[in-house]
PDB file of all heavy atoms in Angstrom:
ATOM      1  N   GLY A   1     115.781  96.287  89.286  1.00  0.00           N
ATOM      2  CA  GLY A   1     115.154  95.657  90.449  1.00  0.00           C
ATOM      3  C   GLY A   1     115.476  94.170  90.423  1.00  0.00           C
ATOM      4  O   GLY A   1     115.038  93.428  89.599  1.00  0.00           O
ATOM      5  N   VAL A   2     116.220  93.869  91.656  1.00  0.00           N
ATOM      6  CA  VAL A   2     116.688  92.521  91.745  1.00  0.00           C
ATOM      7  C   VAL A   2     115.613  91.673  92.417  1.00  0.00           C
ATOM      8  O   VAL A   2     115.283  90.556  91.876  1.00  0.00           O
ATOM      9  CB  VAL A   2     118.015  92.401  92.454  1.00  0.00           C
ATOM     10  CG1 VAL A   2     118.394  91.068  92.820  1.00  0.00           C
ATOM     11  CG2 VAL A   2     118.977  93.324  91.742  1.00  0.00           C
ATOM     12  N   SER A   3     115.112  92.094  93.548  1.00  0.00           N
ATOM     13  CA  SER A   3     114.108  91.288  94.336  1.00  0.00           C
ATOM     14  C   SER A   3     113.342  92.130  95.168  1.00  0.00           C
ATOM     15  O   SER A   3     113.988  93.145  95.968  1.00  0.00           O
ATOM     16  CB  SER A   3     114.796  90.202  95.180  1.00  0.00           C
ATOM     17  OG  SER A   3     113.936  89.461  95.855  1.00  0.00           O
ATOM     18  N   CYS A   4     112.113  92.058  95.268  1.00  0.00           N
ATOM     19  CA  CYS A   4     111.174  93.085  96.085  1.00  0.00           C
ATOM     20  C   CYS A   4     110.067  92.236  96.637  1.00  0.00           C
ATOM     21  O   CYS A   4     109.580  91.252  96.145  1.00  0.00           O
ATOM     22  CB  CYS A   4     110.608  94.063  95.212  1.00  0.00           C
ATOM     23  SG  CYS A   4     111.803  95.251  94.439  1.00  0.00           S
ATOM     24  N   ILE A   5     109.735  92.681  97.908  1.00  0.00           N
ATOM     25  CA  ILE A   5     108.567  92.107  98.601  1.00  0.00           C
ATOM     26  C   ILE A   5     107.526  93.065  98.761  1.00  0.00           C
ATOM     27  O   ILE A   5     107.746  94.200  98.986  1.00  0.00           O
ATOM     28  CB  ILE A   5     108.967  91.674 100.094  1.00  0.00           C
ATOM     29  CG1 ILE A   5     110.091  90.598  99.965  1.00  0.00           C
ATOM     30  CG2 ILE A   5     107.805  91.129 100.714  1.00  0.00           C
ATOM     31  CD1 ILE A   5     110.497  90.244 101.383  1.00  0.00           C
ATOM     32  N   GLY A   6     106.340  92.698  98.312  1.00  0.00           N
ATOM     33  CA  GLY A   6     105.125  93.658  98.308  1.00  0.00           C
ATOM     34  C   GLY A   6     104.830  94.186  99.684  1.00  0.00           C
ATOM     35  O   GLY A   6     105.219  93.622 100.698  1.00  0.00           O
ATOM     36  N   SER A   7     103.974  95.228  99.766  1.00  0.00           N
ATOM     37  CA  SER A   7     103.744  95.841 100.952  1.00  0.00           C
ATOM     38  C   SER A   7     103.081  94.981 102.035  1.00  0.00           C
ATOM     39  O   SER A   7     103.124  95.068 103.217  1.00  0.00           O
ATOM     40  CB  SER A   7     103.010  97.025 100.745  1.00  0.00           C
ATOM     41  OG  SER A   7     101.745  96.943 100.107  1.00  0.00           O
ATOM     42  N   SER A   8     102.201  94.007 101.329  1.00  0.00           N
ATOM     43  CA  SER A   8     101.520  93.119 102.291  1.00  0.00           C
ATOM     44  C   SER A   8     102.416  91.976 102.764  1.00  0.00           C
ATOM     45  O   SER A   8     101.958  91.247 103.805  1.00  0.00           O
ATOM     46  CB  SER A   8     100.358  92.374 101.474  1.00  0.00           C
ATOM     47  OG  SER A   8     101.001  91.520 100.462  1.00  0.00           O
ATOM     48  N   GLY A   9     103.565  91.854 102.280  1.00  0.00           N
ATOM     49  CA  GLY A   9     104.549  90.744 102.574  1.00  0.00           C
ATOM     50  C   GLY A   9     104.174  89.375 102.020  1.00  0.00           C
ATOM     51  O   GLY A   9     104.925  88.463 102.268  1.00  0.00           O
ATOM     52  N   ARG A  10     103.223  89.316 101.113  1.00  0.00           N
ATOM     53  CA  ARG A  10     102.780  88.082 100.600  1.00  0.00           C
ATOM     54  C   ARG A  10     103.323  87.843  99.180  1.00  0.00           C
ATOM     55  O   ARG A  10     103.393  86.595  98.826  1.00  0.00           O
ATOM     56  CB  ARG A  10     101.259  87.932 100.568  1.00  0.00           C
ATOM     57  CG  ARG A  10     100.568  88.009 101.942  1.00  0.00           C
ATOM     58  CD  ARG A  10      99.113  87.625 101.960  1.00  0.00           C
ATOM     59  NE  ARG A  10      98.331  88.536 101.079  1.00  0.00           N
ATOM     60  CZ  ARG A  10      97.700  89.608 101.430  1.00  0.00           C
ATOM     61  NH1 ARG A  10      97.817  89.924 102.753  1.00  0.00           N
ATOM     62  NH2 ARG A  10      96.986  90.423 100.743  1.00  0.00           N
ATOM     63  N   SER A  11     103.758  88.852  98.562  1.00  0.00           N
ATOM     64  CA  SER A  11     104.212  88.606  97.106  1.00  0.00           C
ATOM     65  C   SER A  11     105.683  88.955  97.019  1.00  0.00           C
ATOM     66  O   SER A  11     106.141  89.893  97.682  1.00  0.00           O
ATOM     67  CB  SER A  11     103.418  89.520  96.242  1.00  0.00           C
ATOM     68  OG  SER A  11     103.548  90.861  96.544  1.00  0.00           O
ATOM     69  N   THR A  12     106.412  88.036  96.326  1.00  0.00           N
ATOM     70  CA  THR A  12     107.926  88.364  96.286  1.00  0.00           C
ATOM     71  C   THR A  12     108.242  88.293  94.720  1.00  0.00           C
ATOM     72  O   THR A  12     107.768  87.349  94.023  1.00  0.00           O
ATOM     73  CB  THR A  12     108.685  87.337  97.051  1.00  0.00           C
ATOM     74  OG1 THR A  12     108.326  87.329  98.406  1.00  0.00           O
ATOM     75  CG2 THR A  12     110.107  87.524  96.926  1.00  0.00           C
ATOM     76  N   TYR A  13     109.087  89.200  94.431  1.00  0.00           N
ATOM     77  CA  TYR A  13     109.521  89.169  92.929  1.00  0.00           C
ATOM     78  C   TYR A  13     111.022  88.950  92.855  1.00  0.00           C
ATOM     79  O   TYR A  13     111.771  89.504  93.653  1.00  0.00           O
ATOM     80  CB  TYR A  13     109.087  90.539  92.347  1.00  0.00           C
ATOM     81  CG  TYR A  13     109.867  90.820  91.099  1.00  0.00           C
ATOM     82  CD1 TYR A  13     109.279  90.456  89.770  1.00  0.00           C
ATOM     83  CD2 TYR A  13     110.959  91.551  91.032  1.00  0.00           C
ATOM     84  CE1 TYR A  13     109.892  90.604  88.630  1.00  0.00           C
ATOM     85  CE2 TYR A  13     111.659  91.762  89.837  1.00  0.00           C
ATOM     86  CZ  TYR A  13     111.137  91.247  88.676  1.00  0.00           C
ATOM     87  OH  TYR A  13     111.720  91.476  87.434  1.00  0.00           O
ATOM     88  N   TYR A  14     111.329  88.270  91.915  1.00  0.00           N
ATOM     89  CA  TYR A  14     112.838  87.978  91.632  1.00  0.00           C
ATOM     90  C   TYR A  14     113.055  88.361  90.060  1.00  0.00           C
ATOM     91  O   TYR A  14     112.227  87.819  89.245  1.00  0.00           O
ATOM     92  CB  TYR A  14     113.407  86.679  91.963  1.00  0.00           C
ATOM     93  CG  TYR A  14     113.382  86.395  93.388  1.00  0.00           C
ATOM     94  CD1 TYR A  14     112.462  85.756  93.984  1.00  0.00           C
ATOM     95  CD2 TYR A  14     114.428  86.668  94.175  1.00  0.00           C
ATOM     96  CE1 TYR A  14     112.390  85.382  95.339  1.00  0.00           C
ATOM     97  CE2 TYR A  14     114.597  86.451  95.452  1.00  0.00           C
ATOM     98  CZ  TYR A  14     113.469  85.824  96.010  1.00  0.00           C
ATOM     99  OH  TYR A  14     113.631  85.459  97.511  1.00  0.00           O
ATOM    100  N   ALA A  15     114.074  89.092  89.707  1.00  0.00           N
ATOM    101  CA  ALA A  15     114.363  89.221  88.381  1.00  0.00           C
ATOM    102  C   ALA A  15     114.769  87.948  87.869  1.00  0.00           C
ATOM    103  O   ALA A  15     115.334  87.038  88.486  1.00  0.00           O
ATOM    104  CB  ALA A  15     115.537  90.260  88.295  1.00  0.00           C
ATOM    105  N   ASP A  16     114.443  87.689  86.511  1.00  0.00           N
ATOM    106  CA  ASP A  16     114.745  86.335  85.880  1.00  0.00           C
ATOM    107  C   ASP A  16     116.225  86.126  85.921  1.00  0.00           C
ATOM    108  O   ASP A  16     116.673  84.860  86.022  1.00  0.00           O
ATOM    109  CB  ASP A  16     114.432  86.453  84.514  1.00  0.00           C
ATOM    110  CG  ASP A  16     112.859  86.484  84.272  1.00  0.00           C
ATOM    111  OD1 ASP A  16     112.128  85.992  85.309  1.00  0.00           O
ATOM    112  OD2 ASP A  16     112.428  86.821  83.164  1.00  0.00           O
ATOM    113  N   SER A  17     117.236  87.061  85.991  1.00  0.00           N
ATOM    114  CA  SER A  17     118.627  86.828  85.986  1.00  0.00           C
ATOM    115  C   SER A  17     119.008  86.319  87.256  1.00  0.00           C
ATOM    116  O   SER A  17     120.209  85.689  87.433  1.00  0.00           O
ATOM    117  CB  SER A  17     119.310  88.252  85.622  1.00  0.00           C
ATOM    118  OG  SER A  17     119.084  89.251  86.595  1.00  0.00           O
ATOM    119  N   VAL A  18     118.247  86.528  88.394  1.00  0.00           N
ATOM    120  CA  VAL A  18     118.734  85.884  89.815  1.00  0.00           C
ATOM    121  C   VAL A  18     117.870  84.958  90.273  1.00  0.00           C
ATOM    122  O   VAL A  18     118.288  84.294  91.473  1.00  0.00           O
ATOM    123  CB  VAL A  18     118.799  87.186  90.676  1.00  0.00           C
ATOM    124  CG1 VAL A  18     119.685  88.333  90.154  1.00  0.00           C
ATOM    125  CG2 VAL A  18     117.546  87.687  91.073  1.00  0.00           C
ATOM    126  N   LYS A  19     116.744  84.632  89.681  1.00  0.00           N
ATOM    127  CA  LYS A  19     115.771  83.677  90.262  1.00  0.00           C
ATOM    128  C   LYS A  19     116.452  82.335  90.501  1.00  0.00           C
ATOM    129  O   LYS A  19     117.135  81.763  89.480  1.00  0.00           O
ATOM    130  CB  LYS A  19     114.587  83.583  89.475  1.00  0.00           C
ATOM    131  CG  LYS A  19     113.380  82.815  90.123  1.00  0.00           C
ATOM    132  CD  LYS A  19     112.231  82.881  89.244  1.00  0.00           C
ATOM    133  CE  LYS A  19     111.054  82.306  90.079  1.00  0.00           C
ATOM    134  NZ  LYS A  19     109.731  82.453  89.315  1.00  0.00           N
ATOM    135  N   GLY A  20     116.336  81.748  91.638  1.00  0.00           N
ATOM    136  CA  GLY A  20     116.945  80.442  91.880  1.00  0.00           C
ATOM    137  C   GLY A  20     118.255  80.619  92.569  1.00  0.00           C
ATOM    138  O   GLY A  20     118.740  79.517  92.951  1.00  0.00           O
ATOM    139  N   ARG A  21     118.840  81.741  92.521  1.00  0.00           N
ATOM    140  CA  ARG A  21     120.138  81.959  93.044  1.00  0.00           C
ATOM    141  C   ARG A  21     120.064  82.987  94.216  1.00  0.00           C
ATOM    142  O   ARG A  21     121.003  82.886  95.099  1.00  0.00           O
ATOM    143  CB  ARG A  21     121.165  82.597  92.111  1.00  0.00           C
ATOM    144  CG  ARG A  21     121.320  81.702  90.816  1.00  0.00           C
ATOM    145  CD  ARG A  21     122.501  82.119  89.910  1.00  0.00           C
ATOM    146  NE  ARG A  21     122.189  83.314  89.316  1.00  0.00           N
ATOM    147  CZ  ARG A  21     122.714  84.519  89.550  1.00  0.00           C
ATOM    148  NH1 ARG A  21     123.879  84.395  90.212  1.00  0.00           N
ATOM    149  NH2 ARG A  21     122.426  85.610  88.952  1.00  0.00           N
ATOM    150  N   PHE A  22     119.238  83.989  94.273  1.00  0.00           N
ATOM    151  CA  PHE A  22     119.104  84.931  95.323  1.00  0.00           C
ATOM    152  C   PHE A  22     117.871  84.688  96.084  1.00  0.00           C
ATOM    153  O   PHE A  22     116.814  84.285  95.591  1.00  0.00           O
ATOM    154  CB  PHE A  22     119.080  86.287  94.751  1.00  0.00           C
ATOM    155  CG  PHE A  22     120.300  86.955  93.970  1.00  0.00           C
ATOM    156  CD1 PHE A  22     121.331  85.978  93.783  1.00  0.00           C
ATOM    157  CD2 PHE A  22     120.419  88.085  93.673  1.00  0.00           C
ATOM    158  CE1 PHE A  22     122.596  86.395  93.138  1.00  0.00           C
ATOM    159  CE2 PHE A  22     121.575  88.649  93.044  1.00  0.00           C
ATOM    160  CZ  PHE A  22     122.626  87.776  92.826  1.00  0.00           C
ATOM    161  N   THR A  23     117.918  85.005  97.434  1.00  0.00           N
ATOM    162  CA  THR A  23     116.753  84.965  98.120  1.00  0.00           C
ATOM    163  C   THR A  23     116.656  86.199  99.074  1.00  0.00           C
ATOM    164  O   THR A  23     117.655  86.614  99.731  1.00  0.00           O
ATOM    165  CB  THR A  23     116.892  83.769  99.270  1.00  0.00           C
ATOM    166  OG1 THR A  23     117.004  82.603  98.248  1.00  0.00           O
ATOM    167  CG2 THR A  23     115.576  83.633  99.971  1.00  0.00           C
ATOM    168  N   ILE A  24     115.538  86.817  99.025  1.00  0.00           N
ATOM    169  CA  ILE A  24     115.288  88.065  99.894  1.00  0.00           C
ATOM    170  C   ILE A  24     114.602  87.568 101.120  1.00  0.00           C
ATOM    171  O   ILE A  24     113.754  86.715 101.104  1.00  0.00           O
ATOM    172  CB  ILE A  24     114.465  89.085  99.122  1.00  0.00           C
ATOM    173  CG1 ILE A  24     114.467  90.346 100.027  1.00  0.00           C
ATOM    174  CG2 ILE A  24     113.143  88.660  98.816  1.00  0.00           C
ATOM    175  CD1 ILE A  24     113.845  91.645  99.137  1.00  0.00           C
ATOM    176  N   SER A  25     114.955  88.172 102.286  1.00  0.00           N
ATOM    177  CA  SER A  25     114.252  87.880 103.587  1.00  0.00           C
ATOM    178  C   SER A  25     114.120  89.100 104.416  1.00  0.00           C
ATOM    179  O   SER A  25     114.931  90.016 104.239  1.00  0.00           O
ATOM    180  CB  SER A  25     114.994  86.714 104.214  1.00  0.00           C
ATOM    181  OG  SER A  25     116.287  86.984 104.558  1.00  0.00           O
ATOM    182  N   ARG A  26     113.412  88.992 105.436  1.00  0.00           N
ATOM    183  CA  ARG A  26     113.221  90.208 106.386  1.00  0.00           C
ATOM    184  C   ARG A  26     113.277  89.682 107.750  1.00  0.00           C
ATOM    185  O   ARG A  26     112.572  88.632 108.087  1.00  0.00           O
ATOM    186  CB  ARG A  26     111.872  90.963 106.056  1.00  0.00           C
ATOM    187  CG  ARG A  26     111.567  92.037 107.068  1.00  0.00           C
ATOM    188  CD  ARG A  26     110.330  92.741 106.567  1.00  0.00           C
ATOM    189  NE  ARG A  26     109.296  91.765 106.321  1.00  0.00           N
ATOM    190  CZ  ARG A  26     108.109  92.059 105.559  1.00  0.00           C
ATOM    191  NH1 ARG A  26     108.164  93.214 104.993  1.00  0.00           N
ATOM    192  NH2 ARG A  26     107.313  91.098 105.459  1.00  0.00           N
ATOM    193  N   ASP A  27     114.018  90.303 108.564  1.00  0.00           N
ATOM    194  CA  ASP A  27     114.022  90.076 110.042  1.00  0.00           C
ATOM    195  C   ASP A  27     113.345  91.125 110.800  1.00  0.00           C
ATOM    196  O   ASP A  27     113.896  92.215 110.919  1.00  0.00           O
ATOM    197  CB  ASP A  27     115.458  89.861 110.566  1.00  0.00           C
ATOM    198  CG  ASP A  27     115.535  89.527 112.065  1.00  0.00           C
ATOM    199  OD1 ASP A  27     114.673  89.802 112.760  1.00  0.00           O
ATOM    200  OD2 ASP A  27     116.560  88.844 112.433  1.00  0.00           O
ATOM    201  N   SER A  28     112.177  90.853 111.094  1.00  0.00           N
ATOM    202  CA  SER A  28     111.278  92.018 111.721  1.00  0.00           C
ATOM    203  C   SER A  28     111.869  92.448 113.048  1.00  0.00           C
ATOM    204  O   SER A  28     112.012  93.726 113.348  1.00  0.00           O
ATOM    205  CB  SER A  28     109.969  91.512 112.036  1.00  0.00           C
ATOM    206  OG  SER A  28     109.276  91.071 110.833  1.00  0.00           O
ATOM    207  N   ALA A  29     112.427  91.618 113.957  1.00  0.00           N
ATOM    208  CA  ALA A  29     113.026  92.016 115.111  1.00  0.00           C
ATOM    209  C   ALA A  29     114.128  92.986 115.066  1.00  0.00           C
ATOM    210  O   ALA A  29     114.346  93.836 115.735  1.00  0.00           O
ATOM    211  CB  ALA A  29     113.343  90.957 116.021  1.00  0.00           C
ATOM    212  N   ALA A  30     114.934  92.755 113.950  1.00  0.00           N
ATOM    213  CA  ALA A  30     116.104  93.480 113.679  1.00  0.00           C
ATOM    214  C   ALA A  30     115.720  94.678 112.674  1.00  0.00           C
ATOM    215  O   ALA A  30     116.728  95.553 112.442  1.00  0.00           O
ATOM    216  CB  ALA A  30     117.331  92.680 113.148  1.00  0.00           C
ATOM    217  N   ASN A  31     114.621  94.699 112.241  1.00  0.00           N
ATOM    218  CA  ASN A  31     114.212  95.777 111.302  1.00  0.00           C
ATOM    219  C   ASN A  31     115.236  95.731 110.091  1.00  0.00           C
ATOM    220  O   ASN A  31     115.644  96.739 109.639  1.00  0.00           O
ATOM    221  CB  ASN A  31     114.013  97.007 111.909  1.00  0.00           C
ATOM    222  CG  ASN A  31     113.151  97.977 111.059  1.00  0.00           C
ATOM    223  OD1 ASN A  31     112.204  97.578 110.495  1.00  0.00           O
ATOM    224  ND2 ASN A  31     113.452  99.363 111.160  1.00  0.00           N
ATOM    225  N   THR A  32     115.519  94.599 109.546  1.00  0.00           N
ATOM    226  CA  THR A  32     116.566  94.377 108.629  1.00  0.00           C
ATOM    227  C   THR A  32     116.147  93.531 107.513  1.00  0.00           C
ATOM    228  O   THR A  32     115.490  92.464 107.643  1.00  0.00           O
ATOM    229  CB  THR A  32     117.911  93.825 109.220  1.00  0.00           C
ATOM    230  OG1 THR A  32     118.385  94.610 110.281  1.00  0.00           O
ATOM    231  CG2 THR A  32     118.958  93.615 108.238  1.00  0.00           C
ATOM    232  N   VAL A  33     116.477  93.929 106.274  1.00  0.00           N
ATOM    233  CA  VAL A  33     116.271  93.018 104.987  1.00  0.00           C
ATOM    234  C   VAL A  33     117.543  92.502 104.619  1.00  0.00           C
ATOM    235  O   VAL A  33     118.573  93.146 104.602  1.00  0.00           O
ATOM    236  CB  VAL A  33     115.459  93.875 103.944  1.00  0.00           C
ATOM    237  CG1 VAL A  33     116.388  95.047 103.456  1.00  0.00           C
ATOM    238  CG2 VAL A  33     115.077  93.072 102.713  1.00  0.00           C
ATOM    239  N   TYR A  34     117.462  91.306 104.053  1.00  0.00           N
ATOM    240  CA  TYR A  34     118.627  90.626 103.634  1.00  0.00           C
ATOM    241  C   TYR A  34     118.550  90.118 102.076  1.00  0.00           C
ATOM    242  O   TYR A  34     117.407  89.917 101.694  1.00  0.00           O
ATOM    243  CB  TYR A  34     118.941  89.312 104.454  1.00  0.00           C
ATOM    244  CG  TYR A  34     119.064  89.570 105.920  1.00  0.00           C
ATOM    245  CD1 TYR A  34     118.033  89.533 106.836  1.00  0.00           C
ATOM    246  CD2 TYR A  34     120.461  89.983 106.404  1.00  0.00           C
ATOM    247  CE1 TYR A  34     118.171  89.790 108.112  1.00  0.00           C
ATOM    248  CE2 TYR A  34     120.487  90.195 107.744  1.00  0.00           C
ATOM    249  CZ  TYR A  34     119.452  90.127 108.686  1.00  0.00           C
ATOM    250  OH  TYR A  34     119.621  90.344 110.054  1.00  0.00           O
ATOM    251  N   LEU A  35     119.688  89.968 101.471  1.00  0.00           N
ATOM    252  CA  LEU A  35     119.624  89.342 100.249  1.00  0.00           C
ATOM    253  C   LEU A  35     120.734  88.312 100.338  1.00  0.00           C
ATOM    254  O   LEU A  35     121.943  88.655 100.241  1.00  0.00           O
ATOM    255  CB  LEU A  35     119.894  90.401  99.072  1.00  0.00           C
ATOM    256  CG  LEU A  35     119.753  89.761  97.669  1.00  0.00           C
ATOM    257  CD1 LEU A  35     118.400  89.404  97.308  1.00  0.00           C
ATOM    258  CD2 LEU A  35     120.275  90.870  96.710  1.00  0.00           C
ATOM    259  N   GLN A  36     120.347  87.160 100.239  1.00  0.00           N
ATOM    260  CA  GLN A  36     121.304  85.976 100.252  1.00  0.00           C
ATOM    261  C   GLN A  36     121.641  85.675  98.687  1.00  0.00           C
ATOM    262  O   GLN A  36     120.636  85.380  97.961  1.00  0.00           O
ATOM    263  CB  GLN A  36     120.723  84.709 100.876  1.00  0.00           C
ATOM    264  CG  GLN A  36     121.695  83.471 100.819  1.00  0.00           C
ATOM    265  CD  GLN A  36     122.909  83.706 101.571  1.00  0.00           C
ATOM    266  OE1 GLN A  36     122.974  84.117 102.706  1.00  0.00           O
ATOM    267  NE2 GLN A  36     124.115  83.353 100.901  1.00  0.00           N
ATOM    268  N   MET A  37     122.860  85.678  98.375  1.00  0.00           N
ATOM    269  CA  MET A  37     123.205  85.517  96.997  1.00  0.00           C
ATOM    270  C   MET A  37     124.097  84.367  96.810  1.00  0.00           C
ATOM    271  O   MET A  37     125.164  84.330  97.440  1.00  0.00           O
ATOM    272  CB  MET A  37     123.833  86.843  96.375  1.00  0.00           C
ATOM    273  CG  MET A  37     123.063  88.047  96.608  1.00  0.00           C
ATOM    274  SD  MET A  37     123.973  89.562  95.780  1.00  0.00           S
ATOM    275  CE  MET A  37     125.502  89.697  96.857  1.00  0.00           C
ATOM    276  N   SER A  38     123.764  83.344  95.943  1.00  0.00           N
ATOM    277  CA  SER A  38     124.606  82.199  95.819  1.00  0.00           C
ATOM    278  C   SER A  38     124.865  81.997  94.368  1.00  0.00           C
ATOM    279  O   SER A  38     124.156  82.614  93.498  1.00  0.00           O
ATOM    280  CB  SER A  38     123.777  81.022  96.347  1.00  0.00           C
ATOM    281  OG  SER A  38     123.510  81.048  97.654  1.00  0.00           O
ATOM    282  N   SER A  39     125.721  81.169  94.058  1.00  0.00           N
ATOM    283  CA  SER A  39     126.143  80.907  92.607  1.00  0.00           C
ATOM    284  C   SER A  39     126.355  82.101  91.889  1.00  0.00           C
ATOM    285  O   SER A  39     125.833  82.347  90.705  1.00  0.00           O
ATOM    286  CB  SER A  39     125.080  79.963  91.978  1.00  0.00           C
ATOM    287  OG  SER A  39     124.883  78.857  92.546  1.00  0.00           O
ATOM    288  N   LEU A  40     127.166  83.144  92.481  1.00  0.00           N
ATOM    289  CA  LEU A  40     127.348  84.408  91.844  1.00  0.00           C
ATOM    290  C   LEU A  40     128.103  84.237  90.518  1.00  0.00           C
ATOM    291  O   LEU A  40     128.927  83.458  90.305  1.00  0.00           O
ATOM    292  CB  LEU A  40     128.130  85.232  92.844  1.00  0.00           C
ATOM    293  CG  LEU A  40     127.174  85.867  94.068  1.00  0.00           C
ATOM    294  CD1 LEU A  40     128.151  86.390  95.117  1.00  0.00           C
ATOM    295  CD2 LEU A  40     126.339  86.928  93.488  1.00  0.00           C
ATOM    296  N   LYS A  41     127.650  85.216  89.606  1.00  0.00           N
ATOM    297  CA  LYS A  41     128.208  85.297  88.367  1.00  0.00           C
ATOM    298  C   LYS A  41     128.838  86.591  88.169  1.00  0.00           C
ATOM    299  O   LYS A  41     128.463  87.636  88.803  1.00  0.00           O
ATOM    300  CB  LYS A  41     127.286  85.087  87.204  1.00  0.00           C
ATOM    301  CG  LYS A  41     126.439  83.781  87.411  1.00  0.00           C
ATOM    302  CD  LYS A  41     125.250  83.737  86.373  1.00  0.00           C
ATOM    303  CE  LYS A  41     124.477  82.499  86.513  1.00  0.00           C
ATOM    304  NZ  LYS A  41     123.314  82.503  85.540  1.00  0.00           N
ATOM    305  N   PRO A  42     129.878  86.823  87.170  1.00  0.00           N
ATOM    306  CA  PRO A  42     130.492  88.053  86.917  1.00  0.00           C
ATOM    307  C   PRO A  42     129.551  89.202  86.636  1.00  0.00           C
ATOM    308  O   PRO A  42     129.707  90.292  86.996  1.00  0.00           O
ATOM    309  CB  PRO A  42     131.466  87.735  85.796  1.00  0.00           C
ATOM    310  CG  PRO A  42     131.824  86.369  86.005  1.00  0.00           C
ATOM    311  CD  PRO A  42     130.532  85.615  86.470  1.00  0.00           C
TER     312      PRO A  42
END
């Protein structure tokens, strides 16, 4: 599990290995979830 948002939308979890580098977000209008990944590692 890399990153998850709770059903309420208020709690967000990031795995320790990606915290600070990855960001999860949701576009309600597009009904789409995103994962922005930066400083990627092998």
